[in-house]
Amino acid sequence: MYPHTHHQPNKPILDVQHISVRYNGRPALDDITFHLHAGERVAVVGPNGAGKSTLFKVVAGVLPPGTGEVNIFGSRPRGHICIAYIPQRSQVDWNFPVSVADVVMMGRSAKLGPLNWPHRKDWEYVRHALETVELSDLASRQIGQLSGGQQQRMFIARALAQEAELMLMDEPLSGLDTPSQEGLLNLLDTLQNRHVTVMVATHDLDQAARHFDRIMLLNHRMVAFDEPQKVLHTDNLLQAYGGRLKINPEGTMLVDDCCPPE
């Protein structure tokens, strides 16, 4: 278990400098540099295989970069318990015999330390987190019995119980119906009001433009990172998507993203 790392309040919540990662000799990320401030909401977009999941794993400290460095409030990510990484739902074993409340309590594990049982205060964090995501009535349900939108809410509740200040969400809207997507986007408003910084990987360019402060357009390298209207124009999108970018007669840009996931 890594010791908790103190924050340097004069430093950005996330500072990424010249990150590169290679898989089997091929670049997954190439010289990525950016920084975020507390409370920002950023959409990370790009084609399948562009390196979005790899970037999140490097920021979370799960995957070491080949070159470059990541700093959270001025120090490396491995000592921080303020980062919550929410993976794609396809990476979770939904048959595992745990309840919703059990999963949310896992967010308190770094606070508890090894061999310590949860106290009343920890269960209060869990209760409040479940109330925030509107899952209180499902606290005792086995996780595989939840809908896709409820599963994502559960993971956000776990991050809230963790007291996370930076949440990395990998394709949280993928495969959800419209009401579930709208519910999650509303929940992102709640997180922003609490000054939680959020990075969300998504394929929906329209949602990225309407609901996020800035957009990072990624295809192994940083194509653009700015306000939506400055990122989502034809030249940038052609650089990122190439022949997968289609423009219909009305002028709307569509992405045919049929490549296998990274």
C-alpha atoms as a PDB file:
ATOM      1  CA  MET A   1       0.000   0.000   0.000  1.00  0.00           C
ATOM      2  CA  TYR A   2       1.404   3.404  -0.976  1.00  0.00           C
ATOM      3  CA  PRO A   3       1.524   6.204   1.601  1.00  0.00           C
ATOM      4  CA  HIS A   4      -0.926   9.028   1.066  1.00  0.00           C
ATOM      5  CA  THR A   5       0.621  11.941  -0.796  1.00  0.00           C
ATOM      6  CA  HIS A   6      -0.036  15.508   0.256  1.00  0.00           C
ATOM      7  CA  HIS A   7      -1.272  18.080  -2.241  1.00  0.00           C
ATOM      8  CA  GLN A   8       0.598  21.202  -3.208  1.00  0.00           C
ATOM      9  CA  PRO A   9      -2.290  23.687  -3.515  1.00  0.00           C
ATOM     10  CA  ASN A  10      -0.406  25.963  -5.927  1.00  0.00           C
ATOM     11  CA  LYS A  11      -0.064  23.138  -8.473  1.00  0.00           C
ATOM     12  CA  PRO A  12      -2.668  22.037 -11.069  1.00  0.00           C
ATOM     13  CA  ILE A  13      -4.742  19.005 -10.154  1.00  0.00           C
ATOM     14  CA  LEU A  14      -3.317  17.233 -13.223  1.00  0.00           C
ATOM     15  CA  ASP A  15      -0.126  18.040 -15.118  1.00  0.00           C
ATOM     16  CA  VAL A  16       0.911  15.679 -17.928  1.00  0.00           C
ATOM     17  CA  GLN A  17       4.287  16.308 -19.556  1.00  0.00           C
ATOM     18  CA  HIS A  18       5.494  14.600 -22.752  1.00  0.00           C
ATOM     19  CA  ILE A  19       3.893  11.204 -22.077  1.00  0.00           C
ATOM     20  CA  SER A  20       4.672   8.438 -24.559  1.00  0.00           C
ATOM     21  CA  VAL A  21       3.649   4.773 -24.379  1.00  0.00           C
ATOM     22  CA  ARG A  22       4.468   1.975 -26.815  1.00  0.00           C
ATOM     23  CA  TYR A  23       2.883  -1.468 -27.181  1.00  0.00           C
ATOM     24  CA  ASN A  24       4.949  -4.065 -29.054  1.00  0.00           C
ATOM     25  CA  GLY A  25       7.004  -1.303 -30.584  1.00  0.00           C
ATOM     26  CA  ARG A  26       3.995   0.676 -31.808  1.00  0.00           C
ATOM     27  CA  PRO A  27       3.030   4.060 -30.299  1.00  0.00           C
ATOM     28  CA  ALA A  28      -0.131   4.120 -28.171  1.00  0.00           C
ATOM     29  CA  LEU A  29       0.550   7.669 -26.947  1.00  0.00           C
ATOM     30  CA  ASP A  30       3.059  10.028 -28.514  1.00  0.00           C
ATOM     31  CA  ASP A  31       4.366  13.093 -26.628  1.00  0.00           C
ATOM     32  CA  ILE A  32       1.128  14.070 -24.823  1.00  0.00           C
ATOM     33  CA  THR A  33       1.269  17.285 -22.766  1.00  0.00           C
ATOM     34  CA  PHE A  34      -1.608  19.117 -21.027  1.00  0.00           C
ATOM     35  CA  HIS A  35      -2.820  20.239 -17.621  1.00  0.00           C
ATOM     36  CA  LEU A  36      -6.187  20.612 -15.878  1.00  0.00           C
ATOM     37  CA  HIS A  37      -7.477  22.751 -13.047  1.00  0.00           C
ATOM     38  CA  ALA A  38      -9.953  21.786 -10.339  1.00  0.00           C
ATOM     39  CA  GLY A  39     -13.563  21.510 -11.449  1.00  0.00           C
ATOM     40  CA  GLU A  40     -12.930  21.236 -15.188  1.00  0.00           C
ATOM     41  CA  ARG A  41     -14.991  18.834 -17.262  1.00  0.00           C
ATOM     42  CA  VAL A  42     -13.120  17.420 -20.251  1.00  0.00           C
ATOM     43  CA  ALA A  43     -14.268  15.051 -22.990  1.00  0.00           C
ATOM     44  CA  VAL A  44     -11.592  12.861 -24.578  1.00  0.00           C
ATOM     45  CA  VAL A  45     -12.591  11.901 -28.117  1.00  0.00           C
ATOM     46  CA  GLY A  46     -10.923  10.076 -30.966  1.00  0.00           C
ATOM     47  CA  PRO A  47     -11.214   6.867 -32.980  1.00  0.00           C
ATOM     48  CA  ASN A  48     -11.085   3.410 -31.423  1.00  0.00           C
ATOM     49  CA  GLY A  49      -7.488   2.503 -30.668  1.00  0.00           C
ATOM     50  CA  ALA A  50      -6.471   6.172 -30.346  1.00  0.00           C
ATOM     51  CA  GLY A  51      -5.059   5.735 -26.831  1.00  0.00           C
ATOM     52  CA  LYS A  52      -7.901   7.084 -24.672  1.00  0.00           C
ATOM     53  CA  SER A  53      -7.945   4.130 -22.257  1.00  0.00           C
ATOM     54  CA  THR A  54      -4.144   4.082 -22.171  1.00  0.00           C
ATOM     55  CA  LEU A  55      -4.072   7.759 -21.229  1.00  0.00           C
ATOM     56  CA  PHE A  56      -6.493   7.184 -18.348  1.00  0.00           C
ATOM     57  CA  LYS A  57      -4.458   4.261 -17.027  1.00  0.00           C
ATOM     58  CA  VAL A  58      -1.266   6.312 -17.108  1.00  0.00           C
ATOM     59  CA  VAL A  59      -2.918   9.233 -15.287  1.00  0.00           C
ATOM     60  CA  ALA A  60      -4.355   6.862 -12.669  1.00  0.00           C
ATOM     61  CA  GLY A  61      -0.933   5.329 -12.073  1.00  0.00           C
ATOM     62  CA  VAL A  62      -2.082   1.890 -13.268  1.00  0.00           C
ATOM     63  CA  LEU A  63       0.273   1.908 -16.261  1.00  0.00           C
ATOM     64  CA  PRO A  64       3.747   3.494 -16.202  1.00  0.00           C
ATOM     65  CA  PRO A  65       4.589   5.727 -19.159  1.00  0.00           C
ATOM     66  CA  GLY A  66       7.534   4.875 -21.363  1.00  0.00           C
ATOM     67  CA  THR A  67       8.695   8.498 -21.239  1.00  0.00           C
ATOM     68  CA  GLY A  68       7.412  11.686 -19.623  1.00  0.00           C
ATOM     69  CA  GLU A  69       5.693  12.146 -16.306  1.00  0.00           C
ATOM     70  CA  VAL A  70       2.310  12.734 -14.659  1.00  0.00           C
ATOM     71  CA  ASN A  71       1.849  14.872 -11.559  1.00  0.00           C
ATOM     72  CA  ILE A  72      -1.244  15.204  -9.390  1.00  0.00           C
ATOM     73  CA  PHE A  73      -1.103  18.381  -7.319  1.00  0.00           C
ATOM     74  CA  GLY A  74       2.668  18.375  -7.789  1.00  0.00           C
ATOM     75  CA  SER A  75       3.605  14.707  -7.256  1.00  0.00           C
ATOM     76  CA  ARG A  76       3.358  11.330  -9.006  1.00  0.00           C
ATOM     77  CA  PRO A  77      -0.051   9.601  -9.121  1.00  0.00           C
ATOM     78  CA  ARG A  78       0.787   6.359  -7.297  1.00  0.00           C
ATOM     79  CA  GLY A  79       0.654   7.986  -3.850  1.00  0.00           C
ATOM     80  CA  HIS A  80      -2.645   9.768  -4.409  1.00  0.00           C
ATOM     81  CA  ILE A  81      -6.003   8.442  -3.255  1.00  0.00           C
ATOM     82  CA  CYS A  82      -7.889  11.359  -4.816  1.00  0.00           C
ATOM     83  CA  ILE A  83      -7.946   9.715  -8.296  1.00  0.00           C
ATOM     84  CA  ALA A  84     -10.861   7.447  -9.251  1.00  0.00           C
ATOM     85  CA  TYR A  85     -10.586   5.385 -12.435  1.00  0.00           C
ATOM     86  CA  ILE A  86     -13.933   4.076 -13.704  1.00  0.00           C
ATOM     87  CA  PRO A  87     -13.268   1.399 -16.361  1.00  0.00           C
ATOM     88  CA  GLN A  88     -15.478   0.339 -19.232  1.00  0.00           C
ATOM     89  CA  ARG A  89     -18.342  -1.872 -18.061  1.00  0.00           C
ATOM     90  CA  SER A  90     -17.125  -4.694 -20.296  1.00  0.00           C
ATOM     91  CA  GLN A  91     -14.061  -5.061 -18.045  1.00  0.00           C
ATOM     92  CA  VAL A  92     -16.117  -5.853 -14.918  1.00  0.00           C
ATOM     93  CA  ASP A  93     -17.253  -9.298 -13.714  1.00  0.00           C
ATOM     94  CA  TRP A  94     -20.919  -8.561 -13.059  1.00  0.00           C
ATOM     95  CA  ASN A  95     -21.522 -12.063 -11.645  1.00  0.00           C
ATOM     96  CA  PHE A  96     -19.244 -11.423  -8.685  1.00  0.00           C
ATOM     97  CA  PRO A  97     -21.334 -11.877  -5.486  1.00  0.00           C
ATOM     98  CA  VAL A  98     -21.145  -8.364  -4.029  1.00  0.00           C
ATOM     99  CA  SER A  99     -23.841  -5.808  -3.363  1.00  0.00           C
ATOM    100  CA  VAL A 100     -24.010  -2.213  -4.514  1.00  0.00           C
ATOM    101  CA  ALA A 101     -23.160  -1.000  -0.997  1.00  0.00           C
ATOM    102  CA  ASP A 102     -20.156  -3.358  -0.879  1.00  0.00           C
ATOM    103  CA  VAL A 103     -18.753  -1.866  -4.081  1.00  0.00           C
ATOM    104  CA  VAL A 104     -19.288   1.698  -2.872  1.00  0.00           C
ATOM    105  CA  MET A 105     -17.547   0.836   0.421  1.00  0.00           C
ATOM    106  CA  MET A 106     -14.523  -0.251  -1.625  1.00  0.00           C
ATOM    107  CA  GLY A 107     -14.011   3.446  -2.239  1.00  0.00           C
ATOM    108  CA  ARG A 108     -13.159   3.810   1.463  1.00  0.00           C
ATOM    109  CA  SER A 109     -10.441   1.120   1.404  1.00  0.00           C
ATOM    110  CA  ALA A 110      -7.529   3.520   0.926  1.00  0.00           C
ATOM    111  CA  LYS A 111      -8.797   5.625   3.830  1.00  0.00           C
ATOM    112  CA  LEU A 112      -9.197   2.581   6.079  1.00  0.00           C
ATOM    113  CA  GLY A 113      -5.839   0.961   5.471  1.00  0.00           C
ATOM    114  CA  PRO A 114      -5.167  -2.791   5.662  1.00  0.00           C
ATOM    115  CA  LEU A 115      -7.046  -5.007   8.152  1.00  0.00           C
ATOM    116  CA  ASN A 116      -9.293  -2.179   9.361  1.00  0.00           C
ATOM    117  CA  TRP A 117     -13.071  -2.575   9.394  1.00  0.00           C
ATOM    118  CA  PRO A 118     -15.362   0.264   8.289  1.00  0.00           C
ATOM    119  CA  HIS A 119     -16.576   2.589  11.008  1.00  0.00           C
ATOM    120  CA  ARG A 120     -19.853   4.483  11.289  1.00  0.00           C
ATOM    121  CA  LYS A 121     -18.252   7.461   9.524  1.00  0.00           C
ATOM    122  CA  ASP A 122     -17.350   5.264   6.537  1.00  0.00           C
ATOM    123  CA  TRP A 123     -20.902   3.954   6.223  1.00  0.00           C
ATOM    124  CA  GLU A 124     -22.095   7.570   6.350  1.00  0.00           C
ATOM    125  CA  TYR A 125     -19.938   8.320   3.312  1.00  0.00           C
ATOM    126  CA  VAL A 126     -21.430   5.311   1.543  1.00  0.00           C
ATOM    127  CA  ARG A 127     -24.977   6.313   2.432  1.00  0.00           C
ATOM    128  CA  HIS A 128     -24.466   9.882   1.256  1.00  0.00           C
ATOM    129  CA  ALA A 129     -22.809   8.747  -1.982  1.00  0.00           C
ATOM    130  CA  LEU A 130     -25.720   6.416  -2.764  1.00  0.00           C
ATOM    131  CA  GLU A 131     -28.182   9.220  -2.078  1.00  0.00           C
ATOM    132  CA  THR A 132     -26.275  11.523  -4.442  1.00  0.00           C
ATOM    133  CA  VAL A 133     -26.524   9.053  -7.328  1.00  0.00           C
ATOM    134  CA  GLU A 134     -30.089   8.015  -6.393  1.00  0.00           C
ATOM    135  CA  LEU A 135     -29.292   4.358  -5.664  1.00  0.00           C
ATOM    136  CA  SER A 136     -30.191   4.200  -1.957  1.00  0.00           C
ATOM    137  CA  ASP A 137     -33.062   1.778  -2.566  1.00  0.00           C
ATOM    138  CA  LEU A 138     -30.718  -0.609  -4.446  1.00  0.00           C
ATOM    139  CA  ALA A 139     -27.929  -0.709  -1.854  1.00  0.00           C
ATOM    140  CA  SER A 140     -28.376  -4.428  -1.091  1.00  0.00           C
ATOM    141  CA  ARG A 141     -28.852  -5.556  -4.711  1.00  0.00           C
ATOM    142  CA  GLN A 142     -26.243  -7.764  -6.412  1.00  0.00           C
ATOM    143  CA  ILE A 143     -24.361  -5.668  -8.957  1.00  0.00           C
ATOM    144  CA  GLY A 144     -25.285  -7.834 -11.950  1.00  0.00           C
ATOM    145  CA  GLN A 145     -28.968  -7.034 -11.374  1.00  0.00           C
ATOM    146  CA  LEU A 146     -28.448  -3.353 -12.156  1.00  0.00           C
ATOM    147  CA  SER A 147     -29.125  -1.687 -15.475  1.00  0.00           C
ATOM    148  CA  GLY A 148     -26.201  -0.193 -17.395  1.00  0.00           C
ATOM    149  CA  GLY A 149     -26.976   3.317 -16.182  1.00  0.00           C
ATOM    150  CA  GLN A 150     -27.286   2.132 -12.575  1.00  0.00           C
ATOM    151  CA  GLN A 151     -23.948   0.356 -12.840  1.00  0.00           C
ATOM    152  CA  GLN A 152     -22.272   3.595 -13.891  1.00  0.00           C
ATOM    153  CA  ARG A 153     -23.986   5.446 -11.035  1.00  0.00           C
ATOM    154  CA  MET A 154     -22.682   2.845  -8.617  1.00  0.00           C
ATOM    155  CA  PHE A 155     -19.092   3.460  -9.751  1.00  0.00           C
ATOM    156  CA  ILE A 156     -19.558   7.209  -9.395  1.00  0.00           C
ATOM    157  CA  ALA A 157     -20.868   6.583  -5.875  1.00  0.00           C
ATOM    158  CA  ARG A 158     -17.734   4.543  -5.137  1.00  0.00           C
ATOM    159  CA  ALA A 159     -15.617   7.476  -6.339  1.00  0.00           C
ATOM    160  CA  LEU A 160     -17.614   9.865  -4.139  1.00  0.00           C
ATOM    161  CA  ALA A 161     -17.127   7.597  -1.119  1.00  0.00           C
ATOM    162  CA  GLN A 162     -13.418   7.652  -1.944  1.00  0.00           C
ATOM    163  CA  GLU A 163     -13.584  11.469  -1.807  1.00  0.00           C
ATOM    164  CA  ALA A 164     -12.075  11.549  -5.279  1.00  0.00           C
ATOM    165  CA  GLU A 165     -11.142  14.938  -6.701  1.00  0.00           C
ATOM    166  CA  LEU A 166     -10.264  13.620 -10.168  1.00  0.00           C
ATOM    167  CA  MET A 167     -12.531  11.082 -11.888  1.00  0.00           C
ATOM    168  CA  LEU A 168     -11.480   9.294 -15.086  1.00  0.00           C
ATOM    169  CA  MET A 169     -14.499   7.696 -16.791  1.00  0.00           C
ATOM    170  CA  ASP A 170     -13.826   5.367 -19.717  1.00  0.00           C
ATOM    171  CA  GLU A 171     -16.831   5.273 -22.077  1.00  0.00           C
ATOM    172  CA  PRO A 172     -19.474   5.660 -19.303  1.00  0.00           C
ATOM    173  CA  LEU A 173     -22.223   6.558 -21.799  1.00  0.00           C
ATOM    174  CA  SER A 174     -21.562   3.691 -24.221  1.00  0.00           C
ATOM    175  CA  GLY A 175     -24.489   1.314 -24.689  1.00  0.00           C
ATOM    176  CA  LEU A 176     -26.920   3.306 -22.533  1.00  0.00           C
ATOM    177  CA  ASP A 177     -30.359   4.446 -23.634  1.00  0.00           C
ATOM    178  CA  THR A 178     -31.078   8.167 -23.928  1.00  0.00           C
ATOM    179  CA  PRO A 179     -32.703   8.654 -20.478  1.00  0.00           C
ATOM    180  CA  SER A 180     -29.757   6.880 -18.802  1.00  0.00           C
ATOM    181  CA  GLN A 181     -27.265   9.032 -20.694  1.00  0.00           C
ATOM    182  CA  GLU A 182     -29.123  12.209 -19.732  1.00  0.00           C
ATOM    183  CA  GLY A 183     -29.205  11.091 -16.091  1.00  0.00           C
ATOM    184  CA  LEU A 184     -25.428  10.565 -16.067  1.00  0.00           C
ATOM    185  CA  LEU A 185     -24.806  13.913 -17.744  1.00  0.00           C
ATOM    186  CA  ASN A 186     -26.948  15.595 -15.076  1.00  0.00           C
ATOM    187  CA  LEU A 187     -24.883  13.809 -12.447  1.00  0.00           C
ATOM    188  CA  LEU A 188     -21.747  15.306 -14.021  1.00  0.00           C
ATOM    189  CA  ASP A 189     -23.270  18.730 -13.277  1.00  0.00           C
ATOM    190  CA  THR A 190     -23.494  17.734  -9.614  1.00  0.00           C
ATOM    191  CA  LEU A 191     -19.838  16.682  -9.617  1.00  0.00           C
ATOM    192  CA  GLN A 192     -18.759  19.943 -11.212  1.00  0.00           C
ATOM    193  CA  ASN A 193     -20.685  21.915  -8.578  1.00  0.00           C
ATOM    194  CA  ARG A 194     -18.569  20.060  -6.009  1.00  0.00           C
ATOM    195  CA  HIS A 195     -15.366  21.082  -7.867  1.00  0.00           C
ATOM    196  CA  VAL A 196     -14.620  17.497  -8.920  1.00  0.00           C
ATOM    197  CA  THR A 197     -12.491  17.382 -12.059  1.00  0.00           C
ATOM    198  CA  VAL A 198     -13.799  14.906 -14.628  1.00  0.00           C
ATOM    199  CA  MET A 199     -12.313  13.382 -17.780  1.00  0.00           C
ATOM    200  CA  VAL A 200     -14.742  11.320 -19.858  1.00  0.00           C
ATOM    201  CA  ALA A 201     -13.809   9.211 -22.881  1.00  0.00           C
ATOM    202  CA  THR A 202     -16.650   9.272 -25.398  1.00  0.00           C
ATOM    203  CA  HIS A 203     -17.369   8.687 -29.077  1.00  0.00           C
ATOM    204  CA  ASP A 204     -20.330  11.095 -29.193  1.00  0.00           C
ATOM    205  CA  LEU A 205     -19.001  14.357 -30.623  1.00  0.00           C
ATOM    206  CA  ASP A 206     -22.346  16.120 -30.221  1.00  0.00           C
ATOM    207  CA  GLN A 207     -22.524  15.306 -26.495  1.00  0.00           C
ATOM    208  CA  ALA A 208     -18.895  16.332 -26.102  1.00  0.00           C
ATOM    209  CA  ALA A 209     -19.645  19.716 -27.659  1.00  0.00           C
ATOM    210  CA  ARG A 210     -22.796  20.349 -25.617  1.00  0.00           C
ATOM    211  CA  HIS A 211     -21.794  19.110 -22.165  1.00  0.00           C
ATOM    212  CA  PHE A 212     -18.051  19.642 -21.665  1.00  0.00           C
ATOM    213  CA  ASP A 213     -15.847  22.664 -21.014  1.00  0.00           C
ATOM    214  CA  ARG A 214     -13.020  21.458 -23.214  1.00  0.00           C
ATOM    215  CA  ILE A 215     -12.451  18.647 -25.700  1.00  0.00           C
ATOM    216  CA  MET A 216      -9.254  16.666 -26.161  1.00  0.00           C
ATOM    217  CA  LEU A 217      -9.061  15.242 -29.679  1.00  0.00           C
ATOM    218  CA  LEU A 218      -6.683  12.301 -29.565  1.00  0.00           C
ATOM    219  CA  ASN A 219      -5.229   9.869 -32.062  1.00  0.00           C
ATOM    220  CA  HIS A 220      -2.047   8.603 -30.390  1.00  0.00           C
ATOM    221  CA  ARG A 221      -0.904  12.222 -30.371  1.00  0.00           C
ATOM    222  CA  MET A 222      -2.736  15.352 -29.319  1.00  0.00           C
ATOM    223  CA  VAL A 223      -4.577  16.701 -32.357  1.00  0.00           C
ATOM    224  CA  ALA A 224      -6.294  19.524 -30.439  1.00  0.00           C
ATOM    225  CA  PHE A 225      -7.282  20.464 -26.893  1.00  0.00           C
ATOM    226  CA  ASP A 226      -9.487  23.502 -26.413  1.00  0.00           C
ATOM    227  CA  GLU A 227     -13.069  24.724 -26.181  1.00  0.00           C
ATOM    228  CA  PRO A 228     -15.472  22.617 -28.293  1.00  0.00           C
ATOM    229  CA  GLN A 229     -15.989  25.200 -31.050  1.00  0.00           C
ATOM    230  CA  LYS A 230     -12.219  25.487 -31.520  1.00  0.00           C
ATOM    231  CA  VAL A 231     -11.647  21.721 -31.680  1.00  0.00           C
ATOM    232  CA  LEU A 232     -14.541  20.285 -33.670  1.00  0.00           C
ATOM    233  CA  HIS A 233     -13.864  21.657 -37.108  1.00  0.00           C
ATOM    234  CA  THR A 234     -13.179  19.743 -40.290  1.00  0.00           C
ATOM    235  CA  ASP A 235      -9.371  20.034 -40.417  1.00  0.00           C
ATOM    236  CA  ASN A 236      -8.898  18.674 -36.880  1.00  0.00           C
ATOM    237  CA  LEU A 237     -11.444  15.902 -37.342  1.00  0.00           C
ATOM    238  CA  LEU A 238      -9.870  14.793 -40.613  1.00  0.00           C
ATOM    239  CA  GLN A 239      -6.487  14.579 -38.856  1.00  0.00           C
ATOM    240  CA  ALA A 240      -7.992  12.415 -36.107  1.00  0.00           C
ATOM    241  CA  TYR A 241     -10.454  10.256 -38.042  1.00  0.00           C
ATOM    242  CA  GLY A 242      -9.248  10.367 -41.639  1.00  0.00           C
ATOM    243  CA  GLY A 243     -11.574   8.460 -43.956  1.00  0.00           C
ATOM    244  CA  ARG A 244     -13.906   7.568 -41.082  1.00  0.00           C
ATOM    245  CA  LEU A 245     -15.226  11.152 -41.098  1.00  0.00           C
ATOM    246  CA  LYS A 246     -18.333  11.516 -43.253  1.00  0.00           C
ATOM    247  CA  ILE A 247     -20.137  14.764 -44.083  1.00  0.00           C
ATOM    248  CA  ASN A 248     -23.784  14.396 -45.111  1.00  0.00           C
ATOM    249  CA  PRO A 249     -25.584  16.789 -47.526  1.00  0.00           C
ATOM    250  CA  GLU A 250     -26.821  18.930 -44.589  1.00  0.00           C
ATOM    251  CA  GLY A 251     -23.212  19.560 -43.550  1.00  0.00           C
ATOM    252  CA  THR A 252     -23.357  17.413 -40.400  1.00  0.00           C
ATOM    253  CA  MET A 253     -20.128  15.547 -39.622  1.00  0.00           C
ATOM    254  CA  LEU A 254     -20.503  11.861 -38.727  1.00  0.00           C
ATOM    255  CA  VAL A 255     -17.877   9.357 -37.636  1.00  0.00           C
ATOM    256  CA  ASP A 256     -17.915   5.769 -38.884  1.00  0.00           C
ATOM    257  CA  ASP A 257     -15.828   4.278 -36.074  1.00  0.00           C
ATOM    258  CA  CYS A 258     -15.837   0.601 -36.955  1.00  0.00           C
ATOM    259  CA  CYS A 259     -12.331  -0.345 -35.841  1.00  0.00           C
ATOM    260  CA  PRO A 260     -11.796  -2.811 -32.977  1.00  0.00           C
ATOM    261  CA  PRO A 261     -11.422  -1.338 -29.475  1.00  0.00           C
ATOM    262  CA  GLU A 262      -7.934  -0.645 -28.172  1.00  0.00           C
END
